[in-house]
Amino acid sequence: RAKELELAIVGVSFHVGSGCTDPET
């Protein structure tokens, strides 16, 4: 599960960093 959490964190950081207004996509 550690890797899953890492992927989730990276995904969120990517969306926030790219200024994505819809993190669901």
PDB file of N, CA and C in Angstrom:
ATOM      1  N   ARG A   1       0.837  -1.206   0.000  1.00  0.00           N
ATOM      2  CA  ARG A   1       0.000   0.000   0.000  1.00  0.00           C
ATOM      3  C   ARG A   1       0.872   1.257   0.000  1.00  0.00           C
ATOM      4  N   ALA A   2       2.100   1.176   0.403  1.00  0.00           N
ATOM      5  CA  ALA A   2       2.981   2.361   0.425  1.00  0.00           C
ATOM      6  C   ALA A   2       3.092   2.938  -0.985  1.00  0.00           C
ATOM      7  N   LYS A   3       3.252   2.039  -1.957  1.00  0.00           N
ATOM      8  CA  LYS A   3       3.398   2.529  -3.349  1.00  0.00           C
ATOM      9  C   LYS A   3       2.101   3.180  -3.808  1.00  0.00           C
ATOM     10  N   GLU A   4       0.990   2.621  -3.400  1.00  0.00           N
ATOM     11  CA  GLU A   4      -0.298   3.211  -3.799  1.00  0.00           C
ATOM     12  C   GLU A   4      -0.423   4.622  -3.245  1.00  0.00           C
ATOM     13  N   LEU A   5      -0.026   4.790  -1.988  1.00  0.00           N
ATOM     14  CA  LEU A   5      -0.085   6.121  -1.370  1.00  0.00           C
ATOM     15  C   LEU A   5       0.844   7.074  -2.106  1.00  0.00           C
ATOM     16  N   GLU A   6       2.021   6.579  -2.456  1.00  0.00           N
ATOM     17  CA  GLU A   6       2.984   7.427  -3.181  1.00  0.00           C
ATOM     18  C   GLU A   6       2.387   7.872  -4.504  1.00  0.00           C
ATOM     19  N   LEU A   7       1.775   6.930  -5.228  1.00  0.00           N
ATOM     20  CA  LEU A   7       1.168   7.262  -6.518  1.00  0.00           C
ATOM     21  C   LEU A   7       0.058   8.287  -6.319  1.00  0.00           C
ATOM     22  N   ALA A   8      -0.718   8.109  -5.264  1.00  0.00           N
ATOM     23  CA  ALA A   8      -1.820   9.033  -4.991  1.00  0.00           C
ATOM     24  C   ALA A   8      -1.274  10.426  -4.718  1.00  0.00           C
ATOM     25  N   ILE A   9      -0.230  10.496  -3.891  1.00  0.00           N
ATOM     26  CA  ILE A   9       0.379  11.787  -3.552  1.00  0.00           C
ATOM     27  C   ILE A   9       0.952  12.443  -4.803  1.00  0.00           C
ATOM     28  N   VAL A  10       1.654  11.651  -5.597  1.00  0.00           N
ATOM     29  CA  VAL A  10       2.247  12.177  -6.830  1.00  0.00           C
ATOM     30  C   VAL A  10       1.144  12.658  -7.772  1.00  0.00           C
ATOM     31  N   GLY A  11       0.064  11.888  -7.853  1.00  0.00           N
ATOM     32  CA  GLY A  11      -1.052  12.262  -8.726  1.00  0.00           C
ATOM     33  C   GLY A  11      -1.664  13.581  -8.289  1.00  0.00           C
ATOM     34  N   VAL A  12      -1.906  13.716  -6.986  1.00  0.00           N
ATOM     35  CA  VAL A  12      -2.492  14.950  -6.459  1.00  0.00           C
ATOM     36  C   VAL A  12      -1.539  16.114  -6.697  1.00  0.00           C
ATOM     37  N   SER A  13      -0.264  15.891  -6.412  1.00  0.00           N
ATOM     38  CA  SER A  13       0.731  16.951  -6.595  1.00  0.00           C
ATOM     39  C   SER A  13       0.790  17.359  -8.060  1.00  0.00           C
ATOM     40  N   PHE A  14       0.663  16.375  -8.951  1.00  0.00           N
ATOM     41  CA  PHE A  14       0.706  16.659 -10.387  1.00  0.00           C
ATOM     42  C   PHE A  14      -0.481  17.531 -10.785  1.00  0.00           C
ATOM     43  N   HIS A  15      -1.674  17.154 -10.322  1.00  0.00           N
ATOM     44  CA  HIS A  15      -2.878  17.918 -10.659  1.00  0.00           C
ATOM     45  C   HIS A  15      -2.788  19.328 -10.099  1.00  0.00           C
ATOM     46  N   VAL A  16      -2.375  19.436  -8.833  1.00  0.00           N
ATOM     47  CA  VAL A  16      -2.283  20.749  -8.187  1.00  0.00           C
ATOM     48  C   VAL A  16      -1.188  21.582  -8.853  1.00  0.00           C
ATOM     49  N   GLY A  17      -0.065  20.933  -9.162  1.00  0.00           N
ATOM     50  CA  GLY A  17       1.058  21.643  -9.772  1.00  0.00           C
ATOM     51  C   GLY A  17       0.714  22.143 -11.164  1.00  0.00           C
ATOM     52  N   SER A  18      -0.079  21.355 -11.908  1.00  0.00           N
ATOM     53  CA  SER A  18      -0.435  21.751 -13.268  1.00  0.00           C
ATOM     54  C   SER A  18      -1.654  22.669 -13.256  1.00  0.00           C
ATOM     55  N   GLY A  19      -2.168  22.946 -12.057  1.00  0.00           N
ATOM     56  CA  GLY A  19      -3.301  23.864 -11.939  1.00  0.00           C
ATOM     57  C   GLY A  19      -4.559  23.265 -12.532  1.00  0.00           C
ATOM     58  N   CYS A  20      -4.701  21.942 -12.454  1.00  0.00           N
ATOM     59  CA  CYS A  20      -5.885  21.277 -13.008  1.00  0.00           C
ATOM     60  C   CYS A  20      -7.099  21.620 -12.142  1.00  0.00           C
ATOM     61  N   THR A  21      -8.141  22.147 -12.755  1.00  0.00           N
ATOM     62  CA  THR A  21      -9.315  22.535 -11.981  1.00  0.00           C
ATOM     63  C   THR A  21     -10.185  21.318 -11.696  1.00  0.00           C
ATOM     64  N   ASP A  22      -9.981  20.216 -12.447  1.00  0.00           N
ATOM     65  CA  ASP A  22     -10.776  19.005 -12.235  1.00  0.00           C
ATOM     66  C   ASP A  22      -9.860  17.805 -12.042  1.00  0.00           C
ATOM     67  N   PRO A  23      -9.460  17.546 -10.800  1.00  0.00           N
ATOM     68  CA  PRO A  23      -8.539  16.439 -10.490  1.00  0.00           C
ATOM     69  C   PRO A  23      -9.146  15.070 -10.786  1.00  0.00           C
ATOM     70  N   GLU A  24     -10.449  15.034 -11.044  1.00  0.00           N
ATOM     71  CA  GLU A  24     -11.098  13.750 -11.318  1.00  0.00           C
ATOM     72  C   GLU A  24     -10.679  13.202 -12.672  1.00  0.00           C
ATOM     73  N   THR A  25     -10.330  14.072 -13.599  1.00  0.00           N
ATOM     74  CA  THR A  25      -9.957  13.617 -14.948  1.00  0.00           C
ATOM     75  C   THR A  25      -8.463  13.384 -15.010  1.00  0.00           C
TER      76      THR A  25
END
